[in-house]
Full PDB file with SEQRES, HELIX, SHEET, SSBOND, CRYST1, ORIGX, SCALE, CONECT and MASTER records, all heavy atoms in Angstrom:
SEQRES   1 A   35  LEU GLY LEU LEU HIS ARG SER GLU GLN THR LEU ALA ALA          
SEQRES   2 A   35  SER PHE ARG GLN VAL ALA GLU GLY HIS GLY ALA GLU PRO          
SEQRES   3 A   35  ASP VAL TYR HIS LEU CYS ARG SER LEU                          
HELIX    1 AA1 GLY A    2  GLY A   21  1                                  20    
HELIX    2 AA2 PRO A   26  SER A   34  1                                   9    
CRYST1    1.000    1.000    1.000  90.00  90.00  90.00 P 1           1          
ORIGX1      1.000000  0.000000  0.000000        0.00000                         
ORIGX2      0.000000  1.000000  0.000000        0.00000                         
ORIGX3      0.000000  0.000000  1.000000        0.00000                         
SCALE1      1.000000  0.000000  0.000000        0.00000                         
SCALE2      0.000000  1.000000  0.000000        0.00000                         
SCALE3      0.000000  0.000000  1.000000        0.00000                         
ATOM      1  N   LEU A   1      12.137   3.099 -15.332  1.00  0.00           N  
ATOM      2  CA  LEU A   1      13.255   3.711 -14.773  1.00  0.00           C  
ATOM      3  C   LEU A   1      13.085   3.751 -13.278  1.00  0.00           C  
ATOM      4  O   LEU A   1      14.163   3.553 -12.540  1.00  0.00           O  
ATOM      5  CB  LEU A   1      13.474   5.158 -15.304  1.00  0.00           C  
ATOM      6  CG  LEU A   1      13.837   5.223 -16.820  1.00  0.00           C  
ATOM      7  CD1 LEU A   1      13.827   6.742 -17.223  1.00  0.00           C  
ATOM      8  CD2 LEU A   1      15.165   4.503 -17.036  1.00  0.00           C  
ATOM      9  N   GLY A   2      11.938   3.987 -12.773  1.00  0.00           N  
ATOM     10  CA  GLY A   2      11.684   3.896 -11.311  1.00  0.00           C  
ATOM     11  C   GLY A   2      11.921   2.434 -10.723  1.00  0.00           C  
ATOM     12  O   GLY A   2      12.513   2.314  -9.712  1.00  0.00           O  
ATOM     13  N   LEU A   3      11.402   1.444 -11.521  1.00  0.00           N  
ATOM     14  CA  LEU A   3      11.564   0.065 -11.115  1.00  0.00           C  
ATOM     15  C   LEU A   3      13.093  -0.289 -11.133  1.00  0.00           C  
ATOM     16  O   LEU A   3      13.622  -0.847 -10.212  1.00  0.00           O  
ATOM     17  CB  LEU A   3      10.858  -0.865 -12.121  1.00  0.00           C  
ATOM     18  CG  LEU A   3      11.161  -2.321 -11.908  1.00  0.00           C  
ATOM     19  CD1 LEU A   3      10.721  -2.811 -10.522  1.00  0.00           C  
ATOM     20  CD2 LEU A   3      10.460  -3.079 -13.006  1.00  0.00           C  
ATOM     21  N   LEU A   4      13.797   0.145 -12.104  1.00  0.00           N  
ATOM     22  CA  LEU A   4      15.298  -0.040 -12.189  1.00  0.00           C  
ATOM     23  C   LEU A   4      16.026   0.595 -11.032  1.00  0.00           C  
ATOM     24  O   LEU A   4      16.894  -0.021 -10.431  1.00  0.00           O  
ATOM     25  CB  LEU A   4      15.751   0.401 -13.639  1.00  0.00           C  
ATOM     26  CG  LEU A   4      17.146  -0.072 -13.895  1.00  0.00           C  
ATOM     27  CD1 LEU A   4      17.336  -1.521 -13.864  1.00  0.00           C  
ATOM     28  CD2 LEU A   4      17.447   0.453 -15.385  1.00  0.00           C  
ATOM     29  N   HIS A   5      15.642   1.824 -10.787  1.00  0.00           N  
ATOM     30  CA  HIS A   5      16.366   2.578  -9.674  1.00  0.00           C  
ATOM     31  C   HIS A   5      16.108   1.835  -8.320  1.00  0.00           C  
ATOM     32  O   HIS A   5      17.007   1.569  -7.587  1.00  0.00           O  
ATOM     33  CB  HIS A   5      15.766   4.016  -9.713  1.00  0.00           C  
ATOM     34  CG  HIS A   5      16.483   4.882  -8.736  1.00  0.00           C  
ATOM     35  ND1 HIS A   5      15.768   5.604  -7.807  1.00  0.00           N  
ATOM     36  CD2 HIS A   5      17.780   5.136  -8.522  1.00  0.00           C  
ATOM     37  CE1 HIS A   5      16.607   6.288  -7.049  1.00  0.00           C  
ATOM     38  NE2 HIS A   5      17.835   5.978  -7.433  1.00  0.00           N  
ATOM     39  N   ARG A   6      14.850   1.505  -8.065  1.00  0.00           N  
ATOM     40  CA  ARG A   6      14.513   0.880  -6.746  1.00  0.00           C  
ATOM     41  C   ARG A   6      15.157  -0.567  -6.760  1.00  0.00           C  
ATOM     42  O   ARG A   6      15.615  -0.946  -5.715  1.00  0.00           O  
ATOM     43  CB  ARG A   6      13.012   0.755  -6.540  1.00  0.00           C  
ATOM     44  CG  ARG A   6      12.350   2.177  -6.265  1.00  0.00           C  
ATOM     45  CD  ARG A   6      10.905   1.977  -5.965  1.00  0.00           C  
ATOM     46  NE  ARG A   6      10.125   1.271  -6.911  1.00  0.00           N  
ATOM     47  CZ  ARG A   6       9.617   1.771  -7.980  1.00  0.00           C  
ATOM     48  NH1 ARG A   6       9.868   2.972  -8.369  1.00  0.00           N  
ATOM     49  NH2 ARG A   6       8.917   0.952  -8.719  1.00  0.00           N  
ATOM     50  N   SER A   7      15.127  -1.208  -7.804  1.00  0.00           N  
ATOM     51  CA  SER A   7      15.721  -2.598  -7.844  1.00  0.00           C  
ATOM     52  C   SER A   7      17.203  -2.599  -7.649  1.00  0.00           C  
ATOM     53  O   SER A   7      17.732  -3.408  -6.984  1.00  0.00           O  
ATOM     54  CB  SER A   7      15.353  -3.333  -9.123  1.00  0.00           C  
ATOM     55  OG  SER A   7      13.926  -3.430  -9.291  1.00  0.00           O  
ATOM     56  N   GLU A   8      17.901  -1.629  -8.239  1.00  0.00           N  
ATOM     57  CA  GLU A   8      19.342  -1.532  -7.963  1.00  0.00           C  
ATOM     58  C   GLU A   8      19.661  -1.087  -6.549  1.00  0.00           C  
ATOM     59  O   GLU A   8      20.521  -1.663  -5.969  1.00  0.00           O  
ATOM     60  CB  GLU A   8      19.944  -0.564  -8.960  1.00  0.00           C  
ATOM     61  CG  GLU A   8      20.063  -0.927 -10.365  1.00  0.00           C  
ATOM     62  CD  GLU A   8      21.266  -1.849 -10.660  1.00  0.00           C  
ATOM     63  OE1 GLU A   8      21.922  -2.300  -9.631  1.00  0.00           O  
ATOM     64  OE2 GLU A   8      21.529  -1.986 -11.852  1.00  0.00           O  
ATOM     65  N   GLN A   9      18.785  -0.284  -6.005  1.00  0.00           N  
ATOM     66  CA  GLN A   9      18.944   0.064  -4.569  1.00  0.00           C  
ATOM     67  C   GLN A   9      18.777  -1.152  -3.704  1.00  0.00           C  
ATOM     68  O   GLN A   9      19.516  -1.410  -2.734  1.00  0.00           O  
ATOM     69  CB  GLN A   9      17.902   1.107  -4.135  1.00  0.00           C  
ATOM     70  CG  GLN A   9      18.277   2.553  -4.501  1.00  0.00           C  
ATOM     71  CD  GLN A   9      17.124   3.536  -4.136  1.00  0.00           C  
ATOM     72  OE1 GLN A   9      15.936   3.100  -3.983  1.00  0.00           O  
ATOM     73  NE2 GLN A   9      17.488   4.729  -4.049  1.00  0.00           N  
ATOM     74  N   THR A  10      17.709  -1.942  -3.921  1.00  0.00           N  
ATOM     75  CA  THR A  10      17.404  -3.093  -3.184  1.00  0.00           C  
ATOM     76  C   THR A  10      18.505  -4.195  -3.340  1.00  0.00           C  
ATOM     77  O   THR A  10      18.947  -4.765  -2.331  1.00  0.00           O  
ATOM     78  CB  THR A  10      16.064  -3.738  -3.697  1.00  0.00           C  
ATOM     79  OG1 THR A  10      14.999  -2.789  -3.512  1.00  0.00           O  
ATOM     80  CG2 THR A  10      15.714  -5.043  -2.864  1.00  0.00           C  
ATOM     81  N   LEU A  11      19.027  -4.346  -4.562  1.00  0.00           N  
ATOM     82  CA  LEU A  11      20.128  -5.322  -4.780  1.00  0.00           C  
ATOM     83  C   LEU A  11      21.404  -4.878  -4.032  1.00  0.00           C  
ATOM     84  O   LEU A  11      22.058  -5.676  -3.385  1.00  0.00           O  
ATOM     85  CB  LEU A  11      20.305  -5.558  -6.291  1.00  0.00           C  
ATOM     86  CG  LEU A  11      21.393  -6.670  -6.625  1.00  0.00           C  
ATOM     87  CD1 LEU A  11      20.967  -7.865  -6.133  1.00  0.00           C  
ATOM     88  CD2 LEU A  11      21.534  -6.534  -8.139  1.00  0.00           C  
ATOM     89  N   ALA A  12      21.698  -3.519  -4.105  1.00  0.00           N  
ATOM     90  CA  ALA A  12      22.830  -3.004  -3.381  1.00  0.00           C  
ATOM     91  C   ALA A  12      22.715  -3.386  -1.823  1.00  0.00           C  
ATOM     92  O   ALA A  12      23.634  -3.923  -1.262  1.00  0.00           O  
ATOM     93  CB  ALA A  12      23.085  -1.640  -3.621  1.00  0.00           C  
ATOM     94  N   ALA A  13      21.651  -3.036  -1.317  1.00  0.00           N  
ATOM     95  CA  ALA A  13      21.370  -3.254   0.149  1.00  0.00           C  
ATOM     96  C   ALA A  13      21.390  -4.717   0.489  1.00  0.00           C  
ATOM     97  O   ALA A  13      21.913  -5.067   1.557  1.00  0.00           O  
ATOM     98  CB  ALA A  13      20.111  -2.657   0.585  1.00  0.00           C  
ATOM     99  N   SER A  14      20.961  -5.598  -0.317  1.00  0.00           N  
ATOM    100  CA  SER A  14      20.922  -6.966  -0.117  1.00  0.00           C  
ATOM    101  C   SER A  14      22.278  -7.610  -0.250  1.00  0.00           C  
ATOM    102  O   SER A  14      22.675  -8.445   0.508  1.00  0.00           O  
ATOM    103  CB  SER A  14      19.894  -7.696  -1.085  1.00  0.00           C  
ATOM    104  OG  SER A  14      18.621  -7.303  -0.883  1.00  0.00           O  
ATOM    105  N   PHE A  15      23.070  -7.148  -1.154  1.00  0.00           N  
ATOM    106  CA  PHE A  15      24.486  -7.606  -1.340  1.00  0.00           C  
ATOM    107  C   PHE A  15      25.253  -7.196  -0.052  1.00  0.00           C  
ATOM    108  O   PHE A  15      26.002  -8.034   0.547  1.00  0.00           O  
ATOM    109  CB  PHE A  15      25.209  -6.948  -2.399  1.00  0.00           C  
ATOM    110  CG  PHE A  15      25.105  -7.700  -3.769  1.00  0.00           C  
ATOM    111  CD1 PHE A  15      24.654  -7.101  -4.932  1.00  0.00           C  
ATOM    112  CD2 PHE A  15      25.457  -8.970  -3.871  1.00  0.00           C  
ATOM    113  CE1 PHE A  15      24.587  -7.784  -6.186  1.00  0.00           C  
ATOM    114  CE2 PHE A  15      25.407  -9.703  -5.087  1.00  0.00           C  
ATOM    115  CZ  PHE A  15      24.987  -9.055  -6.204  1.00  0.00           C  
ATOM    116  N   ARG A  16      24.962  -6.043   0.520  1.00  0.00           N  
ATOM    117  CA  ARG A  16      25.690  -5.624   1.753  1.00  0.00           C  
ATOM    118  C   ARG A  16      25.171  -6.503   2.894  1.00  0.00           C  
ATOM    119  O   ARG A  16      25.940  -6.842   3.752  1.00  0.00           O  
ATOM    120  CB  ARG A  16      25.346  -4.071   2.075  1.00  0.00           C  
ATOM    121  CG  ARG A  16      26.122  -3.194   1.112  1.00  0.00           C  
ATOM    122  CD  ARG A  16      26.123  -1.847   1.542  1.00  0.00           C  
ATOM    123  NE  ARG A  16      26.553  -0.877   0.516  1.00  0.00           N  
ATOM    124  CZ  ARG A  16      27.691  -0.852  -0.034  1.00  0.00           C  
ATOM    125  NH1 ARG A  16      28.684  -1.735   0.338  1.00  0.00           N  
ATOM    126  NH2 ARG A  16      28.045  -0.016  -0.965  1.00  0.00           N  
ATOM    127  N   GLN A  17      23.907  -6.833   2.959  1.00  0.00           N  
ATOM    128  CA  GLN A  17      23.302  -7.624   4.004  1.00  0.00           C  
ATOM    129  C   GLN A  17      23.969  -9.110   4.032  1.00  0.00           C  
ATOM    130  O   GLN A  17      24.360  -9.598   5.077  1.00  0.00           O  
ATOM    131  CB  GLN A  17      21.793  -7.767   3.828  1.00  0.00           C  
ATOM    132  CG  GLN A  17      21.146  -8.662   4.873  1.00  0.00           C  
ATOM    133  CD  GLN A  17      21.225  -8.140   6.232  1.00  0.00           C  
ATOM    134  OE1 GLN A  17      21.055  -6.937   6.416  1.00  0.00           O  
ATOM    135  NE2 GLN A  17      21.439  -8.962   7.238  1.00  0.00           N  
ATOM    136  N   VAL A  18      24.126  -9.600   2.877  1.00  0.00           N  
ATOM    137  CA  VAL A  18      24.759 -10.892   2.722  1.00  0.00           C  
ATOM    138  C   VAL A  18      26.204 -10.796   3.122  1.00  0.00           C  
ATOM    139  O   VAL A  18      26.759 -11.749   3.730  1.00  0.00           O  
ATOM    140  CB  VAL A  18      24.486 -11.517   1.281  1.00  0.00           C  
ATOM    141  CG1 VAL A  18      25.325 -12.808   1.047  1.00  0.00           C  
ATOM    142  CG2 VAL A  18      23.059 -11.794   1.100  1.00  0.00           C  
ATOM    143  N   ALA A  19      26.904  -9.797   2.622  1.00  0.00           N  
ATOM    144  CA  ALA A  19      28.338  -9.581   3.008  1.00  0.00           C  
ATOM    145  C   ALA A  19      28.457  -9.667   4.570  1.00  0.00           C  
ATOM    146  O   ALA A  19      29.385 -10.391   5.001  1.00  0.00           O  
ATOM    147  CB  ALA A  19      28.816  -8.293   2.521  1.00  0.00           C  
ATOM    148  N   GLU A  20      27.592  -8.853   5.218  1.00  0.00           N  
ATOM    149  CA  GLU A  20      27.772  -8.744   6.660  1.00  0.00           C  
ATOM    150  C   GLU A  20      27.332 -10.116   7.344  1.00  0.00           C  
ATOM    151  O   GLU A  20      27.949 -10.544   8.316  1.00  0.00           O  
ATOM    152  CB  GLU A  20      26.921  -7.675   7.214  1.00  0.00           C  
ATOM    153  CG  GLU A  20      27.370  -6.272   6.773  1.00  0.00           C  
ATOM    154  CD  GLU A  20      28.900  -5.991   7.016  1.00  0.00           C  
ATOM    155  OE1 GLU A  20      29.312  -6.335   8.120  1.00  0.00           O  
ATOM    156  OE2 GLU A  20      29.647  -5.468   6.164  1.00  0.00           O  
ATOM    157  N   GLY A  21      26.267 -10.808   6.814  1.00  0.00           N  
ATOM    158  CA  GLY A  21      25.766 -11.949   7.454  1.00  0.00           C  
ATOM    159  C   GLY A  21      26.619 -13.161   7.234  1.00  0.00           C  
ATOM    160  O   GLY A  21      26.473 -14.186   7.970  1.00  0.00           O  
ATOM    161  N   HIS A  22      27.397 -13.128   6.222  1.00  0.00           N  
ATOM    162  CA  HIS A  22      28.269 -14.278   5.891  1.00  0.00           C  
ATOM    163  C   HIS A  22      29.731 -13.883   5.813  1.00  0.00           C  
ATOM    164  O   HIS A  22      30.537 -14.293   4.953  1.00  0.00           O  
ATOM    165  CB  HIS A  22      27.892 -14.937   4.535  1.00  0.00           C  
ATOM    166  CG  HIS A  22      26.505 -15.458   4.696  1.00  0.00           C  
ATOM    167  ND1 HIS A  22      26.173 -16.720   5.332  1.00  0.00           N  
ATOM    168  CD2 HIS A  22      25.270 -15.088   4.170  1.00  0.00           C  
ATOM    169  CE1 HIS A  22      24.957 -16.961   5.298  1.00  0.00           C  
ATOM    170  NE2 HIS A  22      24.326 -15.946   4.571  1.00  0.00           N  
ATOM    171  N   GLY A  23      30.180 -13.005   6.800  1.00  0.00           N  
ATOM    172  CA  GLY A  23      31.472 -12.452   6.843  1.00  0.00           C  
ATOM    173  C   GLY A  23      32.575 -13.454   7.042  1.00  0.00           C  
ATOM    174  O   GLY A  23      33.727 -13.315   6.713  1.00  0.00           O  
ATOM    175  N   ALA A  24      32.179 -14.675   7.578  1.00  0.00           N  
ATOM    176  CA  ALA A  24      33.125 -15.801   7.695  1.00  0.00           C  
ATOM    177  C   ALA A  24      33.619 -16.397   6.347  1.00  0.00           C  
ATOM    178  O   ALA A  24      34.609 -17.082   6.355  1.00  0.00           O  
ATOM    179  CB  ALA A  24      32.524 -16.881   8.565  1.00  0.00           C  
ATOM    180  N   GLU A  25      32.877 -16.074   5.351  1.00  0.00           N  
ATOM    181  CA  GLU A  25      33.262 -16.534   4.039  1.00  0.00           C  
ATOM    182  C   GLU A  25      33.911 -15.290   3.279  1.00  0.00           C  
ATOM    183  O   GLU A  25      33.197 -14.407   2.811  1.00  0.00           O  
ATOM    184  CB  GLU A  25      31.946 -16.940   3.166  1.00  0.00           C  
ATOM    185  CG  GLU A  25      31.223 -18.038   3.756  1.00  0.00           C  
ATOM    186  CD  GLU A  25      31.833 -19.466   3.540  1.00  0.00           C  
ATOM    187  OE1 GLU A  25      32.699 -19.519   2.569  1.00  0.00           O  
ATOM    188  OE2 GLU A  25      31.580 -20.365   4.332  1.00  0.00           O  
ATOM    189  N   PRO A  26      35.272 -15.233   3.295  1.00  0.00           N  
ATOM    190  CA  PRO A  26      35.932 -14.092   2.744  1.00  0.00           C  
ATOM    191  C   PRO A  26      35.528 -13.681   1.376  1.00  0.00           C  
ATOM    192  O   PRO A  26      35.382 -12.469   1.013  1.00  0.00           O  
ATOM    193  CB  PRO A  26      37.439 -14.361   2.877  1.00  0.00           C  
ATOM    194  CG  PRO A  26      37.492 -15.509   3.829  1.00  0.00           C  
ATOM    195  CD  PRO A  26      36.213 -16.215   3.769  1.00  0.00           C  
ATOM    196  N   ASP A  27      35.413 -14.626   0.445  1.00  0.00           N  
ATOM    197  CA  ASP A  27      35.096 -14.299  -0.882  1.00  0.00           C  
ATOM    198  C   ASP A  27      33.659 -13.599  -1.017  1.00  0.00           C  
ATOM    199  O   ASP A  27      33.460 -12.691  -1.732  1.00  0.00           O  
ATOM    200  CB  ASP A  27      35.143 -15.548  -1.766  1.00  0.00           C  
ATOM    201  CG  ASP A  27      34.152 -16.643  -1.485  1.00  0.00           C  
ATOM    202  OD1 ASP A  27      33.847 -16.839  -0.325  1.00  0.00           O  
ATOM    203  OD2 ASP A  27      33.606 -17.198  -2.484  1.00  0.00           O  
ATOM    204  N   VAL A  28      32.666 -14.202  -0.226  1.00  0.00           N  
ATOM    205  CA  VAL A  28      31.299 -13.596  -0.220  1.00  0.00           C  
ATOM    206  C   VAL A  28      31.391 -12.252   0.414  1.00  0.00           C  
ATOM    207  O   VAL A  28      30.696 -11.415  -0.142  1.00  0.00           O  
ATOM    208  CB  VAL A  28      30.405 -14.600   0.611  1.00  0.00           C  
ATOM    209  CG1 VAL A  28      29.087 -13.892   0.717  1.00  0.00           C  
ATOM    210  CG2 VAL A  28      30.280 -15.978  -0.026  1.00  0.00           C  
ATOM    211  N   TYR A  29      32.037 -12.064   1.431  1.00  0.00           N  
ATOM    212  CA  TYR A  29      32.144 -10.808   2.083  1.00  0.00           C  
ATOM    213  C   TYR A  29      32.633  -9.723   1.104  1.00  0.00           C  
ATOM    214  O   TYR A  29      32.033  -8.698   0.930  1.00  0.00           O  
ATOM    215  CB  TYR A  29      32.942 -10.844   3.416  1.00  0.00           C  
ATOM    216  CG  TYR A  29      33.156  -9.542   4.002  1.00  0.00           C  
ATOM    217  CD1 TYR A  29      32.174  -8.988   4.836  1.00  0.00           C  
ATOM    218  CD2 TYR A  29      34.303  -8.678   3.899  1.00  0.00           C  
ATOM    219  CE1 TYR A  29      32.189  -7.744   5.479  1.00  0.00           C  
ATOM    220  CE2 TYR A  29      34.390  -7.516   4.438  1.00  0.00           C  
ATOM    221  CZ  TYR A  29      33.362  -6.956   5.254  1.00  0.00           C  
ATOM    222  OH  TYR A  29      33.452  -5.787   5.848  1.00  0.00           O  
ATOM    223  N   HIS A  30      33.760  -9.971   0.583  1.00  0.00           N  
ATOM    224  CA  HIS A  30      34.489  -8.940  -0.234  1.00  0.00           C  
ATOM    225  C   HIS A  30      33.747  -8.690  -1.600  1.00  0.00           C  
ATOM    226  O   HIS A  30      33.493  -7.610  -2.015  1.00  0.00           O  
ATOM    227  CB  HIS A  30      35.979  -9.282  -0.519  1.00  0.00           C  
ATOM    228  CG  HIS A  30      36.729  -9.154   0.737  1.00  0.00           C  
ATOM    229  ND1 HIS A  30      37.042  -7.972   1.306  1.00  0.00           N  
ATOM    230  CD2 HIS A  30      37.320 -10.110   1.574  1.00  0.00           C  
ATOM    231  CE1 HIS A  30      37.695  -8.096   2.497  1.00  0.00           C  
ATOM    232  NE2 HIS A  30      37.887  -9.444   2.649  1.00  0.00           N  
ATOM    233  N   LEU A  31      33.394  -9.775  -2.168  1.00  0.00           N  
ATOM    234  CA  LEU A  31      32.679  -9.689  -3.519  1.00  0.00           C  
ATOM    235  C   LEU A  31      31.225  -9.149  -3.380  1.00  0.00           C  
ATOM    236  O   LEU A  31      30.898  -8.241  -4.163  1.00  0.00           O  
ATOM    237  CB  LEU A  31      32.637 -11.015  -4.256  1.00  0.00           C  
ATOM    238  CG  LEU A  31      33.852 -11.321  -5.073  1.00  0.00           C  
ATOM    239  CD1 LEU A  31      33.821 -12.783  -5.493  1.00  0.00           C  
ATOM    240  CD2 LEU A  31      33.976 -10.430  -6.264  1.00  0.00           C  
ATOM    241  N   CYS A  32      30.557  -9.390  -2.395  1.00  0.00           N  
ATOM    242  CA  CYS A  32      29.260  -8.852  -2.210  1.00  0.00           C  
ATOM    243  C   CYS A  32      29.413  -7.264  -1.840  1.00  0.00           C  
ATOM    244  O   CYS A  32      28.494  -6.552  -2.429  1.00  0.00           O  
ATOM    245  CB  CYS A  32      28.484  -9.563  -1.095  1.00  0.00           C  
ATOM    246  SG  CYS A  32      27.743 -11.075  -1.550  1.00  0.00           S  
ATOM    247  N   ARG A  33      30.392  -6.907  -1.136  1.00  0.00           N  
ATOM    248  CA  ARG A  33      30.532  -5.535  -0.979  1.00  0.00           C  
ATOM    249  C   ARG A  33      30.814  -4.785  -2.235  1.00  0.00           C  
ATOM    250  O   ARG A  33      30.398  -3.735  -2.547  1.00  0.00           O  
ATOM    251  CB  ARG A  33      31.604  -5.200   0.115  1.00  0.00           C  
ATOM    252  CG  ARG A  33      31.079  -5.678   1.546  1.00  0.00           C  
ATOM    253  CD  ARG A  33      32.149  -5.458   2.639  1.00  0.00           C  
ATOM    254  NE  ARG A  33      32.642  -4.142   2.682  1.00  0.00           N  
ATOM    255  CZ  ARG A  33      32.179  -3.209   3.343  1.00  0.00           C  
ATOM    256  NH1 ARG A  33      31.072  -3.311   3.992  1.00  0.00           N  
ATOM    257  NH2 ARG A  33      32.809  -1.904   3.414  1.00  0.00           N  
ATOM    258  N   SER A  34      31.817  -5.340  -3.079  1.00  0.00           N  
ATOM    259  CA  SER A  34      32.108  -4.764  -4.345  1.00  0.00           C  
ATOM    260  C   SER A  34      30.967  -4.724  -5.259  1.00  0.00           C  
ATOM    261  O   SER A  34      30.737  -3.685  -6.002  1.00  0.00           O  
ATOM    262  CB  SER A  34      33.198  -5.671  -5.010  1.00  0.00           C  
ATOM    263  OG  SER A  34      34.420  -5.575  -4.278  1.00  0.00           O  
ATOM    264  N   LEU A  35      30.110  -5.739  -5.293  1.00  0.00           N  
ATOM    265  CA  LEU A  35      28.967  -5.809  -6.172  1.00  0.00           C  
ATOM    266  C   LEU A  35      27.911  -4.748  -5.651  1.00  0.00           C  
ATOM    267  O   LEU A  35      27.193  -4.172  -6.566  1.00  0.00           O  
ATOM    268  CB  LEU A  35      28.365  -7.170  -6.163  1.00  0.00           C  
ATOM    269  CG  LEU A  35      29.244  -8.204  -6.897  1.00  0.00           C  
ATOM    270  CD1 LEU A  35      28.675  -9.541  -6.814  1.00  0.00           C  
ATOM    271  CD2 LEU A  35      29.744  -7.854  -8.276  1.00  0.00           C  
TER     272      LEU A  35                                                      
MASTER        0    0    0    2    0    0    0    6  271    1    0    3          
END                                                                             
């Protein structure tokens, strides 16, 4: 449960990082933020 909790946090932060870093790709930006 701890692994899952930390992994979901890490994945959320990483999706946000990719959204911001690849904002020129509208689908990547919006879908990564939603994910």
